[in-house]
Amino acid sequence: MAIRYRHLPYWSRKKEYWEKLPKLKRRVEKTVMEVQKFKKDGKLLDVGCGFGLFLEMAKAAGFKVYGVEMEKEAVKAAQEK
């Protein structure tokens, strides 16, 4: 099962800017809830995980999370969390 969602391009923005956007957080939270309709816990892989916001929220919901990202700036920011 794959759930896709689009958001504004964020590679030109700072990590802090995106963490302060409540609208994005609500949308990511809704996506986590959609995943939970099919699976309540277990392993979850996010391909193109960006700064890791989805992974962070999925982990808080009880998933064991893994992320793959090719953009070095995003990987560094995600690892600093």
Protein backbone atom coordinates (compact mmCIF):
# COMPACT_ATOMS: atom_id res chain seq x y z
CA MET A 1 0.00 0.00 0.00
CA ALA A 2 1.30 3.43 -0.86
CA ILE A 3 -0.18 6.70 0.28
CA ARG A 4 1.00 9.67 -1.70
CA TYR A 5 0.69 13.30 -0.85
CA ARG A 6 2.20 16.41 -2.31
CA HIS A 7 3.46 19.42 -0.51
CA LEU A 8 5.26 22.58 -1.44
CA PRO A 9 8.89 22.19 -2.53
CA TYR A 10 10.92 22.65 0.60
CA TRP A 11 14.55 22.13 -0.34
CA SER A 12 15.04 25.88 -0.62
CA ARG A 13 13.64 26.45 2.88
CA LYS A 14 15.13 26.03 6.32
CA LYS A 15 14.10 23.08 8.51
CA GLU A 16 12.77 25.40 11.22
CA TYR A 17 10.41 27.07 8.74
CA TRP A 18 8.70 23.78 7.94
CA GLU A 19 8.51 22.64 11.54
CA LYS A 20 6.51 25.75 12.36
CA LEU A 21 3.87 25.15 9.73
CA PRO A 22 0.83 23.78 11.55
CA LYS A 23 -0.96 23.08 8.29
CA LEU A 24 1.80 20.74 7.11
CA LYS A 25 1.88 18.98 10.49
CA ARG A 26 -1.89 18.45 10.38
CA ARG A 27 -1.63 16.99 6.89
CA VAL A 28 1.17 14.65 7.90
CA GLU A 29 -0.80 13.63 10.99
CA LYS A 30 -3.79 12.80 8.76
CA THR A 31 -1.51 10.69 6.56
CA VAL A 32 -0.30 8.74 9.60
CA MET A 33 -3.93 8.16 10.59
CA GLU A 34 -4.66 6.89 7.05
CA VAL A 35 -1.81 4.41 7.36
CA GLN A 36 -3.16 3.28 10.75
CA LYS A 37 -6.44 2.30 9.09
CA PHE A 38 -4.49 -0.50 7.41
CA LYS A 39 -1.79 -1.21 9.95
CA LYS A 40 -1.66 -0.09 13.60
CA ASP A 41 2.06 -0.63 14.16
CA GLY A 42 5.09 -2.38 12.71
CA LYS A 43 7.78 -1.30 10.29
CA LEU A 44 7.28 1.68 8.02
CA LEU A 45 9.54 2.87 5.17
CA ASP A 46 9.33 6.42 3.85
CA VAL A 47 11.11 6.81 0.52
CA GLY A 48 12.01 10.44 -0.06
CA CYS A 49 11.56 11.24 3.62
CA GLY A 50 12.88 14.81 3.46
CA PHE A 51 13.53 16.24 6.90
CA GLY A 52 11.77 13.31 8.57
CA LEU A 53 8.55 14.94 9.75
CA PHE A 54 6.40 11.99 8.63
CA LEU A 55 8.86 9.56 10.22
CA GLU A 56 8.82 11.51 13.46
CA MET A 57 5.01 11.45 13.67
CA ALA A 58 4.76 7.80 12.61
CA LYS A 59 7.30 6.86 15.28
CA ALA A 60 5.24 8.71 17.89
CA ALA A 61 2.23 6.68 16.71
CA GLY A 62 4.05 3.42 17.44
CA PHE A 63 5.71 2.50 14.16
CA LYS A 64 9.32 1.39 13.79
CA VAL A 65 10.38 3.84 11.10
CA TYR A 66 12.98 3.87 8.36
CA GLY A 67 13.65 6.63 5.85
CA VAL A 68 15.54 6.98 2.60
CA GLU A 69 16.54 10.38 1.27
CA MET A 70 19.03 11.40 -1.40
CA GLU A 71 19.20 15.13 -0.64
CA LYS A 72 22.22 15.64 1.64
CA GLU A 73 20.82 18.76 3.32
CA ALA A 74 17.65 16.93 4.32
CA VAL A 75 19.56 13.87 5.57
CA LYS A 76 21.75 16.05 7.75
CA ALA A 77 18.74 17.89 9.18
CA ALA A 78 16.88 14.64 9.87
CA GLN A 79 19.89 13.12 11.63
CA GLU A 80 20.18 16.18 13.89
CA LYS A 81 16.69 15.55 15.30
